[in-house]
N, C-alpha and C. Protein backbone atom coordinates (compact mmCIF):
# COMPACT_ATOMS: atom_id res chain seq x y z
N MET A 1 -52.76 -2.00 -21.29
CA MET A 1 -51.56 -2.01 -20.48
C MET A 1 -51.37 -0.62 -19.87
N PRO A 2 -51.44 -0.49 -18.55
CA PRO A 2 -51.27 0.82 -17.93
C PRO A 2 -49.83 1.29 -18.04
N LEU A 3 -49.71 2.56 -18.13
CA LEU A 3 -48.39 3.16 -18.21
C LEU A 3 -47.98 3.61 -16.82
N ASP A 4 -47.24 2.81 -16.13
CA ASP A 4 -46.78 3.13 -14.78
C ASP A 4 -45.34 3.60 -14.84
N LEU A 5 -45.20 4.88 -15.15
CA LEU A 5 -43.86 5.44 -15.21
C LEU A 5 -43.45 5.87 -13.81
N PRO A 6 -42.23 5.55 -13.41
CA PRO A 6 -41.79 5.96 -12.07
C PRO A 6 -41.64 7.48 -12.00
N ARG A 7 -42.02 8.02 -10.87
CA ARG A 7 -41.82 9.44 -10.64
C ARG A 7 -40.41 9.66 -10.14
N PRO A 8 -39.79 10.75 -10.59
CA PRO A 8 -38.44 11.02 -10.09
C PRO A 8 -38.48 11.26 -8.59
N ALA A 9 -37.53 10.71 -7.90
CA ALA A 9 -37.44 10.90 -6.45
C ALA A 9 -36.83 12.25 -6.15
N LEU A 10 -37.12 12.76 -4.96
CA LEU A 10 -36.47 13.99 -4.54
C LEU A 10 -34.98 13.74 -4.40
N ARG A 11 -34.19 14.73 -4.72
CA ARG A 11 -32.74 14.59 -4.59
C ARG A 11 -32.38 14.33 -3.13
N PRO A 12 -31.30 13.60 -2.88
CA PRO A 12 -30.89 13.32 -1.50
C PRO A 12 -30.62 14.57 -0.68
N ASP A 13 -30.13 15.64 -1.31
CA ASP A 13 -29.83 16.86 -0.56
C ASP A 13 -31.04 17.78 -0.43
N ALA A 14 -32.16 17.39 -1.02
CA ALA A 14 -33.37 18.20 -0.95
C ALA A 14 -34.12 17.90 0.34
N PRO A 15 -34.84 18.91 0.86
CA PRO A 15 -35.63 18.66 2.07
C PRO A 15 -36.74 17.66 1.78
N ALA A 16 -37.20 16.98 2.79
CA ALA A 16 -38.27 15.99 2.65
C ALA A 16 -39.54 16.67 2.15
N ALA A 17 -40.40 15.88 1.50
CA ALA A 17 -41.63 16.41 0.93
C ALA A 17 -42.50 17.09 1.99
N ASP A 18 -42.55 16.53 3.20
CA ASP A 18 -43.35 17.16 4.26
C ASP A 18 -42.81 18.54 4.61
N GLU A 19 -41.50 18.68 4.64
CA GLU A 19 -40.89 19.98 4.94
C GLU A 19 -41.17 20.98 3.82
N ILE A 20 -41.13 20.51 2.59
CA ILE A 20 -41.43 21.38 1.44
C ILE A 20 -42.87 21.84 1.52
N ARG A 21 -43.78 20.91 1.78
CA ARG A 21 -45.20 21.28 1.91
C ARG A 21 -45.39 22.31 3.02
N ARG A 22 -44.69 22.13 4.13
CA ARG A 22 -44.81 23.06 5.26
C ARG A 22 -44.34 24.45 4.83
N ARG A 23 -43.24 24.52 4.13
CA ARG A 23 -42.72 25.81 3.67
C ARG A 23 -43.68 26.47 2.68
N LEU A 24 -44.22 25.67 1.77
CA LEU A 24 -45.16 26.22 0.80
C LEU A 24 -46.45 26.69 1.47
N GLU A 25 -46.93 25.91 2.43
CA GLU A 25 -48.14 26.30 3.16
C GLU A 25 -47.89 27.60 3.93
N HIS A 26 -46.71 27.72 4.53
CA HIS A 26 -46.36 28.96 5.24
C HIS A 26 -46.34 30.14 4.27
N ALA A 27 -45.73 29.95 3.11
CA ALA A 27 -45.68 31.01 2.11
C ALA A 27 -47.09 31.39 1.66
N ARG A 28 -47.94 30.40 1.45
CA ARG A 28 -49.32 30.67 1.03
C ARG A 28 -50.08 31.43 2.13
N THR A 29 -49.97 30.95 3.36
CA THR A 29 -50.68 31.58 4.47
C THR A 29 -50.24 33.03 4.65
N THR A 30 -48.94 33.27 4.53
CA THR A 30 -48.40 34.62 4.66
C THR A 30 -48.97 35.53 3.57
N ARG A 31 -48.98 35.07 2.33
CA ARG A 31 -49.48 35.89 1.21
C ARG A 31 -50.97 36.16 1.37
N ILE A 32 -51.73 35.17 1.80
CA ILE A 32 -53.17 35.37 1.99
C ILE A 32 -53.41 36.41 3.10
N ALA A 33 -52.63 36.35 4.17
CA ALA A 33 -52.76 37.33 5.25
C ALA A 33 -52.41 38.73 4.74
N GLN A 34 -51.38 38.83 3.91
CA GLN A 34 -51.01 40.13 3.35
C GLN A 34 -52.14 40.69 2.48
N LEU A 35 -52.71 39.83 1.66
CA LEU A 35 -53.81 40.25 0.79
C LEU A 35 -55.01 40.70 1.61
N LYS A 36 -55.32 39.96 2.66
CA LYS A 36 -56.43 40.31 3.54
C LYS A 36 -56.17 41.66 4.21
N ALA A 37 -54.95 41.87 4.69
CA ALA A 37 -54.61 43.14 5.33
C ALA A 37 -54.76 44.31 4.36
N LEU A 38 -54.33 44.12 3.13
CA LEU A 38 -54.49 45.18 2.14
C LEU A 38 -55.96 45.46 1.86
N ASP A 39 -56.77 44.41 1.79
CA ASP A 39 -58.20 44.59 1.55
C ASP A 39 -58.86 45.33 2.70
N GLU A 40 -58.41 45.06 3.92
CA GLU A 40 -59.02 45.68 5.11
C GLU A 40 -58.64 47.15 5.25
N THR A 41 -57.57 47.58 4.63
CA THR A 41 -57.17 48.99 4.74
C THR A 41 -58.08 49.88 3.92
N GLY A 42 -58.78 49.31 2.98
CA GLY A 42 -59.64 50.11 2.11
C GLY A 42 -58.83 50.79 1.03
N GLN A 43 -59.16 50.48 -0.19
CA GLN A 43 -58.39 50.99 -1.32
C GLN A 43 -59.18 52.07 -2.05
N ARG A 44 -58.51 53.17 -2.28
CA ARG A 44 -59.11 54.21 -3.11
C ARG A 44 -58.97 53.78 -4.57
N PRO A 45 -59.89 54.19 -5.42
CA PRO A 45 -59.82 53.78 -6.84
C PRO A 45 -58.53 54.21 -7.52
N ASP A 46 -57.90 55.29 -7.04
CA ASP A 46 -56.68 55.78 -7.70
C ASP A 46 -55.40 55.31 -7.00
N ASP A 47 -55.50 54.34 -6.12
CA ASP A 47 -54.34 53.85 -5.38
C ASP A 47 -53.63 52.75 -6.19
N HIS A 48 -52.76 53.19 -7.07
CA HIS A 48 -52.09 52.25 -7.98
C HIS A 48 -51.06 51.39 -7.26
N LEU A 49 -50.41 51.95 -6.23
CA LEU A 49 -49.41 51.19 -5.50
C LEU A 49 -50.05 49.96 -4.83
N MET A 50 -51.19 50.18 -4.18
CA MET A 50 -51.86 49.06 -3.52
C MET A 50 -52.34 48.03 -4.54
N SER A 51 -52.80 48.51 -5.66
CA SER A 51 -53.24 47.61 -6.73
C SER A 51 -52.07 46.75 -7.23
N HIS A 52 -50.90 47.35 -7.37
CA HIS A 52 -49.71 46.62 -7.81
C HIS A 52 -49.28 45.60 -6.74
N GLN A 53 -49.39 45.99 -5.47
CA GLN A 53 -49.05 45.07 -4.39
C GLN A 53 -49.97 43.86 -4.41
N LYS A 54 -51.25 44.09 -4.58
CA LYS A 54 -52.21 42.98 -4.63
C LYS A 54 -51.92 42.06 -5.82
N ASP A 55 -51.62 42.66 -6.97
CA ASP A 55 -51.29 41.86 -8.15
C ASP A 55 -50.05 41.00 -7.90
N ALA A 56 -49.04 41.57 -7.25
CA ALA A 56 -47.82 40.82 -6.96
C ALA A 56 -48.11 39.66 -6.00
N ILE A 57 -48.95 39.89 -5.02
CA ILE A 57 -49.30 38.83 -4.07
C ILE A 57 -50.08 37.74 -4.79
N ARG A 58 -51.00 38.11 -5.66
CA ARG A 58 -51.77 37.10 -6.41
C ARG A 58 -50.85 36.27 -7.32
N ARG A 59 -49.85 36.92 -7.92
CA ARG A 59 -48.88 36.18 -8.75
C ARG A 59 -48.10 35.20 -7.89
N ALA A 60 -47.69 35.63 -6.70
CA ALA A 60 -46.96 34.74 -5.79
C ALA A 60 -47.83 33.56 -5.38
N LEU A 61 -49.11 33.80 -5.12
CA LEU A 61 -50.02 32.70 -4.76
C LEU A 61 -50.14 31.70 -5.92
N LYS A 62 -50.18 32.21 -7.14
CA LYS A 62 -50.24 31.32 -8.31
C LYS A 62 -48.96 30.49 -8.41
N GLU A 63 -47.81 31.13 -8.17
CA GLU A 63 -46.54 30.41 -8.21
C GLU A 63 -46.47 29.34 -7.10
N ILE A 64 -47.04 29.64 -5.95
CA ILE A 64 -47.07 28.66 -4.86
C ILE A 64 -47.92 27.46 -5.25
N ASP A 65 -49.08 27.72 -5.85
CA ASP A 65 -49.93 26.62 -6.32
C ASP A 65 -49.21 25.77 -7.37
N GLU A 66 -48.46 26.44 -8.25
CA GLU A 66 -47.69 25.71 -9.27
C GLU A 66 -46.59 24.88 -8.62
N ALA A 67 -46.00 25.39 -7.54
CA ALA A 67 -44.96 24.63 -6.82
C ALA A 67 -45.56 23.38 -6.18
N PHE A 68 -46.77 23.49 -5.64
CA PHE A 68 -47.46 22.31 -5.11
C PHE A 68 -47.66 21.28 -6.22
N ALA A 69 -48.02 21.73 -7.41
CA ALA A 69 -48.22 20.81 -8.54
C ALA A 69 -46.89 20.14 -8.92
N ARG A 70 -45.79 20.90 -8.91
CA ARG A 70 -44.49 20.30 -9.22
C ARG A 70 -44.08 19.29 -8.15
N LEU A 71 -44.44 19.57 -6.91
CA LEU A 71 -44.15 18.62 -5.83
C LEU A 71 -44.92 17.32 -6.07
N ARG A 72 -46.18 17.45 -6.46
CA ARG A 72 -47.00 16.25 -6.74
C ARG A 72 -46.47 15.44 -7.92
N ASP A 73 -46.01 16.14 -8.97
CA ASP A 73 -45.57 15.39 -10.16
C ASP A 73 -44.08 15.02 -10.14
N GLY A 74 -43.40 15.39 -9.06
CA GLY A 74 -42.01 14.97 -8.91
C GLY A 74 -40.98 15.85 -9.55
N THR A 75 -41.38 17.03 -10.01
CA THR A 75 -40.42 17.93 -10.66
C THR A 75 -40.01 19.10 -9.78
N TYR A 76 -40.48 19.13 -8.53
CA TYR A 76 -40.13 20.22 -7.62
C TYR A 76 -38.61 20.22 -7.41
N GLY A 77 -38.03 21.42 -7.44
CA GLY A 77 -36.60 21.55 -7.20
C GLY A 77 -35.76 21.44 -8.46
N THR A 78 -36.41 21.28 -9.61
CA THR A 78 -35.72 21.23 -10.89
C THR A 78 -36.03 22.52 -11.63
N CYS A 79 -35.01 23.20 -12.09
CA CYS A 79 -35.17 24.47 -12.80
C CYS A 79 -35.95 24.25 -14.09
N LEU A 80 -36.95 25.07 -14.32
CA LEU A 80 -37.74 24.96 -15.55
C LEU A 80 -37.00 25.51 -16.75
N GLY A 81 -35.93 26.24 -16.52
CA GLY A 81 -35.15 26.80 -17.62
C GLY A 81 -34.08 25.87 -18.13
N CYS A 82 -33.28 25.31 -17.22
CA CYS A 82 -32.13 24.50 -17.64
C CYS A 82 -32.23 23.04 -17.21
N SER A 83 -33.26 22.70 -16.46
CA SER A 83 -33.50 21.33 -15.96
C SER A 83 -32.46 20.85 -14.95
N LYS A 84 -31.67 21.76 -14.43
CA LYS A 84 -30.70 21.41 -13.39
C LYS A 84 -31.35 21.61 -12.02
N PRO A 85 -30.81 20.96 -10.99
CA PRO A 85 -31.38 21.15 -9.64
C PRO A 85 -31.24 22.60 -9.16
N VAL A 86 -32.29 23.10 -8.55
CA VAL A 86 -32.25 24.41 -7.91
C VAL A 86 -31.58 24.19 -6.55
N PRO A 87 -30.58 24.99 -6.20
CA PRO A 87 -29.90 24.79 -4.92
C PRO A 87 -30.87 24.82 -3.74
N PRO A 88 -30.69 23.90 -2.79
CA PRO A 88 -31.59 23.84 -1.63
C PRO A 88 -31.66 25.16 -0.86
N GLU A 89 -30.57 25.91 -0.83
CA GLU A 89 -30.57 27.20 -0.14
C GLU A 89 -31.56 28.17 -0.79
N ARG A 90 -31.62 28.14 -2.11
CA ARG A 90 -32.57 29.00 -2.83
C ARG A 90 -34.00 28.57 -2.54
N LEU A 91 -34.24 27.26 -2.53
CA LEU A 91 -35.58 26.75 -2.25
C LEU A 91 -36.00 27.05 -0.81
N GLU A 92 -35.04 27.10 0.09
CA GLU A 92 -35.36 27.42 1.48
C GLU A 92 -35.83 28.86 1.60
N ILE A 93 -35.19 29.75 0.87
CA ILE A 93 -35.54 31.17 0.92
C ILE A 93 -36.81 31.45 0.12
N LEU A 94 -36.93 30.82 -1.04
CA LEU A 94 -38.04 31.05 -1.96
C LEU A 94 -38.59 29.70 -2.40
N PRO A 95 -39.39 29.04 -1.56
CA PRO A 95 -39.80 27.66 -1.83
C PRO A 95 -40.62 27.47 -3.10
N HIS A 96 -41.19 28.53 -3.63
CA HIS A 96 -42.00 28.38 -4.83
C HIS A 96 -41.26 28.78 -6.11
N THR A 97 -39.95 28.99 -6.01
CA THR A 97 -39.19 29.40 -7.18
C THR A 97 -39.24 28.32 -8.26
N ARG A 98 -39.24 28.77 -9.50
CA ARG A 98 -39.27 27.85 -10.64
C ARG A 98 -37.91 27.72 -11.31
N HIS A 99 -36.99 28.64 -10.97
CA HIS A 99 -35.72 28.71 -11.69
C HIS A 99 -34.53 28.80 -10.75
N CYS A 100 -33.39 28.36 -11.25
CA CYS A 100 -32.13 28.60 -10.55
C CYS A 100 -31.80 30.08 -10.72
N VAL A 101 -30.80 30.56 -10.03
CA VAL A 101 -30.45 31.98 -10.08
C VAL A 101 -30.07 32.40 -11.51
N ALA A 102 -29.26 31.60 -12.18
CA ALA A 102 -28.81 31.95 -13.53
C ALA A 102 -29.98 32.10 -14.49
N CYS A 103 -30.90 31.14 -14.48
CA CYS A 103 -32.05 31.21 -15.40
C CYS A 103 -33.00 32.33 -15.00
N GLN A 104 -33.16 32.58 -13.70
CA GLN A 104 -34.00 33.69 -13.26
C GLN A 104 -33.42 35.02 -13.72
N SER A 105 -32.09 35.15 -13.67
CA SER A 105 -31.44 36.37 -14.12
C SER A 105 -31.66 36.60 -15.60
N ARG A 106 -31.59 35.52 -16.36
CA ARG A 106 -31.82 35.64 -17.82
C ARG A 106 -33.27 36.00 -18.12
N ALA A 107 -34.19 35.50 -17.31
CA ALA A 107 -35.61 35.74 -17.54
C ALA A 107 -36.00 37.17 -17.17
N ALA A 108 -35.25 37.78 -16.25
CA ALA A 108 -35.61 39.13 -15.77
C ALA A 108 -35.18 40.19 -16.71
């Protein structure tokens, strides 16, 4: 007997899945371009600032990939900390966020 569990639907106030994908793709494309630009500038071995910038961009790319996975499994837009909906305004600004503002503040 297959287990066909329904996937949670996107909230009515949430943007459509196509719009979310577009925002995430834009965020990914932007980060990849930033990483490429940093690589093209040429990094000295002792350039710690550039190294930190690259690490931050790679972390953001990982978070974007995780957001795509949450979109696929139906949990996109739900805070991983408190399980409450992340406000659409926050998702518009930071489409790959995993937490609402309150949980993000506690995590920082």
